[in-house]
Protein backbone atom coordinates (compact mmCIF):
# COMPACT_ATOMS: atom_id res chain seq x y z
CA UNK A 1 -19.63 13.99 28.43
CA UNK A 2 -16.13 13.86 29.81
CA UNK A 3 -15.53 10.89 27.52
CA UNK A 4 -16.49 12.88 24.42
CA UNK A 5 -14.34 15.85 25.38
CA UNK A 6 -11.33 13.59 25.99
CA UNK A 7 -11.78 11.97 22.60
CA UNK A 8 -11.91 15.35 20.84
CA UNK A 9 -8.85 16.68 22.67
CA UNK A 10 -6.77 13.58 21.90
CA UNK A 11 -7.77 13.57 18.24
CA UNK A 12 -6.67 17.18 18.02
CA UNK A 13 -3.32 16.48 19.68
CA UNK A 14 -2.52 13.57 17.35
CA UNK A 15 -3.65 15.27 14.17
CA UNK A 16 -2.05 18.64 14.75
CA UNK A 17 1.18 17.38 16.26
CA UNK A 18 2.11 20.98 17.02
CA UNK A 19 1.31 22.14 13.47
CA UNK A 20 -1.34 24.62 12.45
CA UNK A 21 -4.45 23.10 10.91
CA UNK A 22 -7.35 24.39 8.90
CA UNK A 23 -10.57 23.45 7.20
CA UNK A 24 -12.24 22.51 3.98
CA UNK A 25 -11.42 23.84 0.51
CA UNK A 26 -12.88 27.27 -0.31
CA UNK A 27 -15.19 27.39 -3.33
CA UNK A 28 -13.33 30.41 -4.71
CA UNK A 29 -10.27 28.21 -5.26
CA UNK A 30 -12.08 26.22 -7.96
CA UNK A 31 -11.44 28.75 -10.75
CA UNK A 32 -7.99 29.89 -9.55
CA UNK A 33 -5.86 27.68 -11.82
CA UNK A 34 -2.81 29.75 -10.95
CA UNK A 35 -2.77 28.11 -7.49
CA UNK A 36 -1.21 24.62 -7.69
CA UNK A 37 -3.59 23.33 -4.99
CA UNK A 38 -6.63 24.03 -7.24
CA UNK A 39 -6.28 20.36 -8.22
CA UNK A 40 -7.44 19.51 -4.67
CA UNK A 41 -10.95 20.65 -5.64
CA UNK A 42 -10.86 19.19 -9.17
CA UNK A 43 -8.21 16.53 -9.95
CA UNK A 44 -8.51 17.35 -13.67
CA UNK A 45 -7.06 20.85 -13.13
CA UNK A 46 -3.37 21.16 -13.95
CA UNK A 47 -1.10 23.80 -12.41
CA UNK A 48 0.44 26.30 -14.81
CA UNK A 49 3.92 25.35 -13.58
CA UNK A 50 6.00 22.30 -14.38
CA UNK A 51 6.93 21.60 -10.75
CA UNK A 52 5.76 22.81 -7.34
CA UNK A 53 6.63 22.06 -3.74
CA UNK A 54 4.32 23.11 -0.93
CA UNK A 55 6.13 24.41 2.14
CA UNK A 56 5.10 22.05 5.00
CA UNK A 57 2.53 23.43 7.47
CA UNK A 58 2.42 26.70 5.48
CA UNK A 59 0.73 25.38 2.36
CA UNK A 60 -2.00 25.49 3.23
CA UNK A 61 -2.98 27.12 6.49
CA UNK A 62 -6.77 27.28 6.38
CA UNK A 63 -9.64 27.81 8.84
CA UNK A 64 -13.42 27.45 8.52
CA UNK A 65 -16.41 27.59 10.88
CA UNK A 66 -19.83 26.81 9.40
CA UNK A 67 -23.28 26.67 11.00
CA UNK A 68 -26.58 25.79 9.35
CA UNK A 69 -28.72 28.10 11.50
CA UNK A 70 -26.91 30.52 13.78
CA UNK A 71 -24.97 33.60 12.77
CA UNK A 72 -22.41 35.32 15.00
CA UNK A 73 -24.93 38.08 15.78
CA UNK A 74 -27.50 35.53 17.00
CA UNK A 75 -25.15 34.42 19.76
CA UNK A 76 -23.25 37.59 20.73
CA UNK A 77 -24.60 41.12 20.29
CA UNK A 78 -24.51 44.59 21.99
CA UNK A 79 -26.36 45.23 25.24
CA UNK A 80 -29.45 47.40 24.48
CA UNK A 81 -28.51 50.10 27.04
CA UNK A 82 -24.91 49.51 28.12
CA UNK A 83 -21.54 49.42 26.38
CA UNK A 84 -21.05 45.66 26.56
CA UNK A 85 -21.80 42.41 24.74
CA UNK A 86 -24.42 39.89 25.83
CA UNK A 87 -25.79 36.51 24.75
CA UNK A 88 -29.43 35.32 24.55
CA UNK A 89 -28.98 33.85 28.05
CA UNK A 90 -28.71 37.38 29.47
CA UNK A 91 -31.91 38.79 31.08
CA UNK A 92 -31.91 41.49 28.37
CA UNK A 93 -31.15 38.96 25.61
CA UNK A 94 -33.61 38.27 22.80
CA UNK A 95 -34.38 34.61 23.37
CA UNK A 96 -37.20 34.49 20.83
CA UNK A 97 -34.98 35.81 18.04
CA UNK A 98 -32.52 33.04 18.84
CA UNK A 99 -35.23 30.36 18.77
CA UNK A 100 -36.61 31.70 15.48
CA UNK A 101 -33.32 30.76 13.81
CA UNK A 102 -33.58 27.13 14.90
CA UNK A 103 -34.54 24.47 12.36
CA UNK A 104 -35.92 21.02 13.23
CA UNK A 105 -32.36 19.67 12.77
CA UNK A 106 -29.30 21.93 12.94
CA UNK A 107 -25.66 21.18 12.31
CA UNK A 108 -22.13 22.53 12.61
CA UNK A 109 -19.68 21.15 10.04
CA UNK A 110 -15.89 21.13 9.99
CA UNK A 111 -13.43 19.51 7.60
CA UNK A 112 -10.02 20.25 9.07
CA UNK A 113 -6.75 19.40 7.37
CA UNK A 114 -3.25 20.53 6.56
CA UNK A 115 -0.59 19.20 4.18
CA UNK A 116 2.57 17.87 5.75
CA UNK A 117 4.03 17.20 2.31
CA UNK A 118 2.87 18.36 -1.13
CA UNK A 119 4.67 18.06 -4.47
CA UNK A 120 3.62 18.02 -8.13
CA UNK A 121 5.43 17.66 -11.45
CA UNK A 122 4.68 17.46 -15.17
CA UNK A 123 5.71 14.54 -17.38
CA UNK A 124 5.09 13.53 -20.95
CA UNK A 125 1.96 11.60 -19.95
CA UNK A 126 0.37 14.17 -17.64
CA UNK A 127 0.72 15.95 -14.32
CA UNK A 128 1.36 13.96 -11.13
CA UNK A 129 0.91 15.07 -7.50
CA UNK A 130 1.76 13.45 -4.17
CA UNK A 131 0.33 14.69 -0.87
CA UNK A 132 0.44 13.74 2.79
CA UNK A 133 -2.49 15.32 4.60
CA UNK A 134 -3.80 15.08 8.14
CA UNK A 135 -7.54 15.61 8.52
CA UNK A 136 -10.35 15.79 11.05
CA UNK A 137 -13.90 15.52 9.72
CA UNK A 138 -16.32 16.69 12.39
CA UNK A 139 -20.12 17.03 12.19
CA UNK A 140 -22.36 17.89 15.14
CA UNK A 141 -26.16 17.70 14.82
CA UNK A 142 -28.69 19.07 17.33
CA UNK A 143 -32.51 19.41 17.17
CA UNK A 144 -34.26 22.75 17.58
CA UNK A 145 -36.22 21.40 20.56
CA UNK A 146 -32.99 21.26 22.54
CA UNK A 147 -32.72 25.07 22.38
CA UNK A 148 -36.45 25.45 23.09
CA UNK A 149 -36.13 23.34 26.25
CA UNK A 150 -33.09 25.31 27.41
CA UNK A 151 -34.57 28.77 26.75
CA UNK A 152 -38.29 28.37 27.42
CA UNK A 153 -38.08 25.86 30.23
CA UNK A 154 -40.29 22.84 30.65
CA UNK A 155 -43.98 23.61 30.24
CA UNK A 156 -46.72 21.45 31.71
CA UNK A 157 -47.74 18.68 29.32
CA UNK A 158 -44.95 19.40 26.80
CA UNK A 159 -42.91 16.75 25.00
CA UNK A 160 -39.50 17.73 23.65
CA UNK A 161 -38.25 15.47 20.86
CA UNK A 162 -34.47 15.46 20.80
CA UNK A 163 -34.01 12.74 18.18
CA UNK A 164 -31.05 13.39 15.89
CA UNK A 165 -28.73 14.73 18.60
CA UNK A 166 -25.48 13.29 17.30
CA UNK A 167 -21.79 13.75 16.60
CA UNK A 168 -19.62 12.19 13.91
CA UNK A 169 -15.88 12.67 14.38
CA UNK A 170 -13.20 10.96 12.32
CA UNK A 171 -9.50 11.75 12.54
CA UNK A 172 -7.24 10.24 9.89
CA UNK A 173 -4.10 10.71 7.82
CA UNK A 174 -4.24 10.60 4.04
CA UNK A 175 -1.55 9.69 1.50
CA UNK A 176 -2.77 10.55 -2.00
CA UNK A 177 -1.38 10.16 -5.51
CA UNK A 178 -3.02 12.18 -8.28
CA UNK A 179 -2.76 12.24 -12.08
CA UNK A 180 -4.25 14.52 -14.71
CA UNK A 181 -3.98 14.20 -18.48
CA UNK A 182 -5.53 15.43 -21.74
CA UNK A 183 -7.66 13.36 -24.10
CA UNK A 184 -7.54 15.06 -27.47
CA UNK A 185 -7.87 18.84 -27.58
CA UNK A 186 -11.14 19.28 -25.69
CA UNK A 187 -11.08 16.84 -22.76
CA UNK A 188 -9.03 16.55 -19.60
CA UNK A 189 -9.50 13.96 -16.86
CA UNK A 190 -8.01 13.54 -13.40
CA UNK A 191 -8.00 10.95 -10.65
CA UNK A 192 -6.55 10.87 -7.15
CA UNK A 193 -6.25 7.66 -5.14
CA UNK A 194 -6.05 7.83 -1.35
CA UNK A 195 -4.75 5.53 1.35
CA UNK A 196 -6.26 6.40 4.72
CA UNK A 197 -4.95 5.69 8.24
CA UNK A 198 -7.57 6.13 10.96
CA UNK A 199 -6.46 7.88 14.13
CA UNK A 200 -9.74 7.80 16.06
CA UNK A 201 -13.47 7.84 15.54
CA UNK A 202 -16.74 8.55 17.31
CA UNK A 203 -19.88 7.88 15.25
CA UNK A 204 -23.53 8.04 16.29
CA UNK A 205 -25.50 5.11 14.86
CA UNK A 206 -28.79 5.59 16.73
CA UNK A 207 -30.26 8.68 18.38
CA UNK A 208 -33.64 8.65 20.09
CA UNK A 209 -34.12 11.03 23.02
CA UNK A 210 -37.20 12.73 24.46
CA UNK A 211 -38.26 14.65 27.56
CA UNK A 212 -41.96 14.68 28.55
CA UNK A 213 -42.82 17.19 31.26
CA UNK A 214 -45.70 17.77 33.64
CA UNK A 215 -46.21 19.41 37.02
CA UNK A 216 -45.71 16.07 38.77
CA UNK A 217 -42.93 14.35 36.83
CA UNK A 218 -40.41 14.65 34.02
CA UNK A 219 -40.01 11.48 31.99
CA UNK A 220 -36.64 11.15 30.26
CA UNK A 221 -36.26 8.44 27.63
CA UNK A 222 -33.18 7.70 25.58
CA UNK A 223 -31.99 5.03 23.19
CA UNK A 224 -28.67 6.14 21.75
CA UNK A 225 -25.82 4.12 20.30
CA UNK A 226 -22.28 5.10 19.30
CA UNK A 227 -19.32 3.33 17.74
CA UNK A 228 -15.87 4.43 18.84
CA UNK A 229 -12.27 3.56 17.98
CA UNK A 230 -9.96 4.90 20.68
CA UNK A 231 -6.40 3.56 20.18
CA UNK A 232 -4.97 6.38 22.28
CA UNK A 233 -7.03 5.51 25.36
CA UNK A 234 -7.31 2.42 27.55
CA UNK A 235 -10.90 1.72 28.59
CA UNK A 236 -10.92 -0.17 31.91
CA UNK A 237 -13.98 -2.36 32.61
CA UNK A 238 -15.10 -3.65 36.02
CA UNK A 239 -16.25 -7.21 36.76
CA UNK A 240 -19.80 -6.38 35.65
CA UNK A 241 -18.60 -5.12 32.29
CA UNK A 242 -19.20 -1.45 33.13
CA UNK A 243 -16.59 1.14 32.29
CA UNK A 244 -14.51 1.95 35.32
CA UNK A 245 -12.02 4.42 33.91
CA UNK A 246 -10.55 5.80 30.70
CA UNK A 247 -6.78 6.25 30.76
CA UNK A 248 -5.26 8.54 28.14
CA UNK A 249 -1.68 7.89 26.99
CA UNK A 250 0.37 10.35 29.08
CA UNK A 251 3.14 10.55 26.47
CA UNK A 252 0.54 11.69 23.98
CA UNK A 253 -0.73 14.41 26.30
CA UNK A 254 2.88 15.52 26.80
CA UNK A 255 3.16 15.98 22.98
CA UNK A 256 5.82 13.30 22.57
CA UNK A 257 6.49 13.43 18.79
CA UNK A 258 7.32 9.72 18.56
CA UNK A 259 4.09 8.79 20.30
CA UNK A 260 2.10 11.12 18.04
CA UNK A 261 3.68 9.55 14.95
CA UNK A 262 2.81 6.05 16.22
CA UNK A 263 -0.87 6.90 16.40
CA UNK A 264 -0.89 9.02 13.24
CA UNK A 265 -0.33 6.08 10.84
CA UNK A 266 -2.33 3.29 12.40
CA UNK A 267 -2.32 0.26 10.07
CA UNK A 268 -5.18 -1.38 11.95
CA UNK A 269 -7.59 1.40 10.95
CA UNK A 270 -7.15 1.34 7.18
CA UNK A 271 -9.32 2.94 4.53
CA UNK A 272 -9.31 3.99 0.91
CA UNK A 273 -10.77 6.82 -1.12
CA UNK A 274 -10.81 8.35 -4.58
CA UNK A 275 -11.32 11.79 -6.17
CA UNK A 276 -12.47 12.14 -9.79
CA UNK A 277 -12.47 15.16 -12.08
CA UNK A 278 -13.20 16.10 -15.69
CA UNK A 279 -12.88 19.25 -17.86
CA UNK A 280 -14.54 19.72 -21.24
CA UNK A 281 -14.10 22.68 -23.57
CA UNK A 282 -16.95 22.78 -26.14
CA UNK A 283 -15.52 25.95 -27.70
CA UNK A 284 -12.86 28.61 -27.26
CA UNK A 285 -14.92 30.56 -24.71
CA UNK A 286 -16.45 27.81 -22.57
CA UNK A 287 -14.97 25.39 -20.05
CA UNK A 288 -17.33 22.91 -18.35
CA UNK A 289 -16.09 20.83 -15.41
CA UNK A 290 -17.14 18.44 -12.67
CA UNK A 291 -15.48 16.69 -9.75
CA UNK A 292 -16.48 14.15 -7.14
CA UNK A 293 -14.36 14.17 -3.98
CA UNK A 294 -13.94 11.93 -0.95
CA UNK A 295 -15.59 8.77 -2.20
CA UNK A 296 -14.24 6.42 0.44
CA UNK A 297 -14.43 4.75 3.82
CA UNK A 298 -12.33 3.71 6.80
CA UNK A 299 -12.56 0.30 8.50
CA UNK A 300 -12.11 0.73 12.26
CA UNK A 301 -10.55 -2.27 14.04
CA UNK A 302 -8.22 -0.87 16.71
CA UNK A 303 -9.60 -0.56 20.26
CA UNK A 304 -13.21 -0.60 19.10
CA UNK A 305 -15.97 0.06 21.62
CA UNK A 306 -19.72 0.34 21.50
CA UNK A 307 -21.18 3.10 23.63
CA UNK A 308 -24.88 2.95 24.54
CA UNK A 309 -27.08 5.40 26.41
CA UNK A 310 -30.38 3.72 27.21
CA UNK A 311 -32.56 4.96 30.04
CA UNK A 312 -36.13 5.67 31.11
CA UNK A 313 -36.09 7.87 34.19
CA UNK A 314 -38.82 9.73 36.06
CA UNK A 315 -37.64 12.88 37.77
CA UNK A 316 -40.32 13.89 40.27
CA UNK A 317 -39.10 17.03 42.04
CA UNK A 318 -36.82 18.38 44.71
CA UNK A 319 -38.45 19.00 48.08
CA UNK A 320 -36.81 21.68 50.21
CA UNK A 321 -37.61 22.33 53.90
CA UNK A 322 -35.74 25.51 54.93
CA UNK A 323 -36.01 24.63 58.63
CA UNK A 324 -33.74 21.62 58.12
CA UNK A 325 -30.72 23.70 57.11
CA UNK A 326 -27.95 25.25 59.14
CA UNK A 327 -24.94 27.41 58.37
CA UNK A 328 -22.97 24.33 57.32
CA UNK A 329 -25.84 22.84 55.30
CA UNK A 330 -27.36 25.58 53.15
CA UNK A 331 -30.13 25.33 50.55
CA UNK A 332 -27.57 26.02 47.83
CA UNK A 333 -25.41 23.14 48.99
CA UNK A 334 -28.40 20.82 49.07
CA UNK A 335 -29.59 21.76 45.58
CA UNK A 336 -26.07 21.40 44.22
CA UNK A 337 -25.69 17.92 45.66
CA UNK A 338 -29.16 16.95 44.40
CA UNK A 339 -28.41 18.17 40.88
CA UNK A 340 -25.06 16.34 40.94
CA UNK A 341 -26.80 13.13 41.98
CA UNK A 342 -29.29 13.53 39.13
CA UNK A 343 -26.52 14.02 36.57
CA UNK A 344 -24.62 11.02 37.96
CA UNK A 345 -27.78 8.91 37.70
CA UNK A 346 -28.36 9.86 34.08
CA UNK A 347 -24.67 9.57 33.16
CA UNK A 348 -24.48 6.18 34.85
CA UNK A 349 -26.45 4.70 31.97
CA UNK A 350 -23.64 5.59 29.53
CA UNK A 351 -22.22 2.10 29.01
CA UNK A 352 -19.03 1.03 27.21
CA UNK A 353 -18.75 -2.51 25.87
CA UNK A 354 -16.14 -4.09 23.58
CA UNK A 355 -17.30 -3.54 20.01
CA UNK A 356 -16.92 -5.17 16.63
CA UNK A 357 -15.26 -3.97 13.44
CA UNK A 358 -17.27 -1.23 11.72
CA UNK A 359 -16.84 1.22 8.84
CA UNK A 360 -17.53 4.92 8.39
CA UNK A 361 -17.68 6.79 5.10
CA UNK A 362 -16.13 10.13 4.24
CA UNK A 363 -18.23 13.25 3.64
CA UNK A 364 -18.45 13.18 -0.16
CA UNK A 365 -18.71 16.35 -2.26
CA UNK A 366 -19.91 16.98 -5.82
CA UNK A 367 -18.80 20.07 -7.79
CA UNK A 368 -20.29 21.22 -11.12
CA UNK A 369 -18.65 24.24 -12.75
CA UNK A 370 -18.89 26.38 -15.88
CA UNK A 371 -16.52 29.14 -17.03
CA UNK A 372 -17.05 31.68 -19.82
CA UNK A 373 -13.89 33.36 -21.12
CA UNK A 374 -14.25 36.99 -22.20
CA UNK A 375 -10.57 36.95 -23.10
CA UNK A 376 -7.89 34.30 -22.39
CA UNK A 377 -7.10 36.20 -19.17
CA UNK A 378 -10.62 37.12 -17.96
CA UNK A 379 -13.43 34.66 -17.25
CA UNK A 380 -16.63 34.38 -15.24
CA UNK A 381 -17.43 31.18 -13.37
CA UNK A 382 -20.48 29.53 -11.80
CA UNK A 383 -20.05 26.63 -9.35
CA UNK A 384 -22.52 24.29 -7.68
CA UNK A 385 -21.33 22.33 -4.65
CA UNK A 386 -23.24 19.54 -2.90
CA UNK A 387 -22.05 18.04 0.41
CA UNK A 388 -23.38 14.58 1.26
CA UNK A 389 -23.32 14.49 5.05
CA UNK A 390 -24.54 11.56 7.10
CA UNK A 391 -27.81 13.17 8.19
CA UNK A 392 -28.44 15.76 5.49
CA UNK A 393 -27.43 17.13 2.09
CA UNK A 394 -26.06 20.68 1.87
CA UNK A 395 -26.05 22.82 -1.27
CA UNK A 396 -23.85 25.85 -2.03
CA UNK A 397 -23.59 28.04 -5.13
CA UNK A 398 -20.70 30.38 -6.00
CA UNK A 399 -20.34 32.89 -8.83
CA UNK A 400 -16.93 34.44 -9.51
CA UNK A 401 -15.04 36.84 -11.75
CA UNK A 402 -11.47 35.67 -12.41
CA UNK A 403 -8.52 37.64 -13.75
CA UNK A 404 -4.91 36.77 -14.53
CA UNK A 405 -1.91 38.68 -15.84
CA UNK A 406 -0.10 35.44 -16.59
CA UNK A 407 2.63 34.29 -14.26
CA UNK A 408 2.65 37.16 -11.79
CA UNK A 409 -0.97 37.60 -10.62
CA UNK A 410 -4.23 35.65 -10.35
CA UNK A 411 -7.22 37.42 -8.78
CA UNK A 412 -10.80 36.33 -7.96
CA UNK A 413 -13.93 38.05 -6.67
CA UNK A 414 -16.72 35.69 -5.62
CA UNK A 415 -20.32 35.72 -4.43
CA UNK A 416 -21.73 32.64 -2.67
CA UNK A 417 -24.98 31.24 -1.33
CA UNK A 418 -24.00 29.24 1.77
CA UNK A 419 -26.23 27.99 4.62
CA UNK A 420 -29.32 29.95 3.42
CA UNK A 421 -27.30 33.18 3.55
CA UNK A 422 -26.89 35.25 0.37
CA UNK A 423 -24.33 37.89 1.31
CA UNK A 424 -21.09 35.88 1.16
CA UNK A 425 -18.57 38.04 -0.67
CA UNK A 426 -15.16 36.48 -1.15
CA UNK A 427 -11.79 37.29 -2.63
CA UNK A 428 -8.73 35.35 -3.72
CA UNK A 429 -5.27 36.45 -4.78
CA UNK A 430 -2.23 34.48 -5.91
CA UNK A 431 1.16 36.16 -6.44
CA UNK A 432 4.39 34.81 -7.89
CA UNK A 433 7.67 36.49 -6.96
CA UNK A 434 10.45 34.51 -8.58
CA UNK A 435 9.97 30.86 -7.56
CA UNK A 436 7.81 31.81 -4.57
CA UNK A 437 4.03 31.48 -4.90
CA UNK A 438 1.83 33.03 -2.20
CA UNK A 439 -1.96 32.86 -2.11
CA UNK A 440 -4.78 34.05 0.14
CA UNK A 441 -8.38 32.93 -0.51
CA UNK A 442 -11.70 33.29 1.32
CA UNK A 443 -15.36 32.86 0.41
CA UNK A 444 -16.45 35.28 3.14
CA UNK A 445 -13.66 37.84 3.70
CA UNK A 446 -15.53 40.90 2.44
CA UNK A 447 -18.89 39.99 3.98
CA UNK A 448 -17.20 39.23 7.33
CA UNK A 449 -15.65 42.69 7.11
CA UNK A 450 -18.88 44.56 6.32
CA UNK A 451 -21.50 42.39 8.08
CA UNK A 452 -19.68 40.32 10.73
CA UNK A 453 -22.80 39.90 12.85
CA UNK A 454 -24.55 38.05 9.98
CA UNK A 455 -21.79 35.51 9.34
CA UNK A 456 -22.89 31.85 9.44
CA UNK A 457 -19.65 30.62 7.96
CA UNK A 458 -16.13 31.94 7.70
CA UNK A 459 -13.09 30.51 5.95
CA UNK A 460 -9.58 31.55 5.06
CA UNK A 461 -6.88 29.71 3.09
CA UNK A 462 -3.30 30.92 3.06
CA UNK A 463 -0.36 29.07 1.50
CA UNK A 464 3.14 29.20 0.03
CA UNK A 465 4.71 27.07 -2.71
CA UNK A 466 7.97 26.92 -4.60
CA UNK A 467 7.08 26.79 -8.31
CA UNK A 468 9.21 26.27 -11.41
CA UNK A 469 8.67 25.81 -15.14
CA UNK A 470 5.81 28.25 -15.71
CA UNK A 471 4.30 27.94 -19.20
CA UNK A 472 3.18 30.91 -21.25
CA UNK A 473 -0.34 30.86 -22.67
CA UNK A 474 0.70 29.92 -26.19
CA UNK A 475 2.67 26.94 -24.82
CA UNK A 476 -0.37 25.41 -23.06
CA UNK A 477 -2.85 23.00 -24.61
CA UNK A 478 -6.38 24.19 -25.31
CA UNK A 479 -7.66 22.55 -22.12
CA UNK A 480 -5.86 23.66 -18.96
């Protein structure tokens, strides 16, 4: 487990490089055409300005945490009799309520990224955008039986199936070039090509794990396989081919900017991706749209390793004779050393071997949207979003009311169904003061304010742009 934690820490150091980072695009942004970065969620959208420049590390700053099963109040809640907070592990905690939230397979999803450079401009043949983004896609999957084993203990004759326990982490930098243009009066299309530079990766390719318990013996079986690309770490093997040590680049840990830059654009871990978007206006009051994002892959070649965890181990018991202990050799010391030996035995089967070139795909997303315009400045939108993760497909739905005064103000109120939770109330606002554009968007801001204990996901997107060449309504084409 130390290996995994080191990988995560180093990926974070390289990708952030001292900058603030955030997470995936909020659904409420989809209908906020007054925000230049709305083209990130649909490449066919065109900003209402002729030129914009995103202020580095400030546009955007965004954060999201999303869980398929657990809300904040399932993990931390008030003590029933005292003025304090407890978790389900507390003697007064409600363990059964926690277990009732578990599904056969649960997940926590993150799509972290921030723009280091963002610019867009209008020409006679359409609108172009150029972005440099650093990203960390992270998915963690865990079976419900894992929580049941931890909370209920091991019953006699029980078998706990822990298949599906997995993590998929990919850190990479993305250089993208986008274009959007009109076809006639009713159609608009957009495309964004991406060149990807892999920083590091840890991908689970096989996950079989079970624990069978009885009064006499626990049988632990595992057959797990991971692929890893760790350019920032030297894996040292012994003469038998077993991993002896993992040495992290000290300059990287010391936040040396030149060392971070060297790992950030690794030509040996190259990939490519594409985003597609389309808008269609069947009449003056309707705008139909669709976009497909993150169709792509990364080929991992640099410092590739294969990590296997294969074991079949029978844990019988721990026999304790209290008459054998003295002041210097207590029962606690004995149990601690026994538990440590057990963990070392199980961890000893975690084997690193030199690996071969492999590929990992991005987490693709499909958006389908419809807007109905009451007036040119007021519309209502409905958005379907589908995330294609490695082990599951996730569906979200967002309804929104969108208002604009023109150049000065864009405002959105949204309602979303996310992670089987219906009370996601969001808000978005975009203001223009001279050339300065400021925006603040969240799918959950109001619900997190009123019902924080029920939150399964939370996101916030804040950004600043310099914008020029705003076009009045009558100067825009029918599709915009």
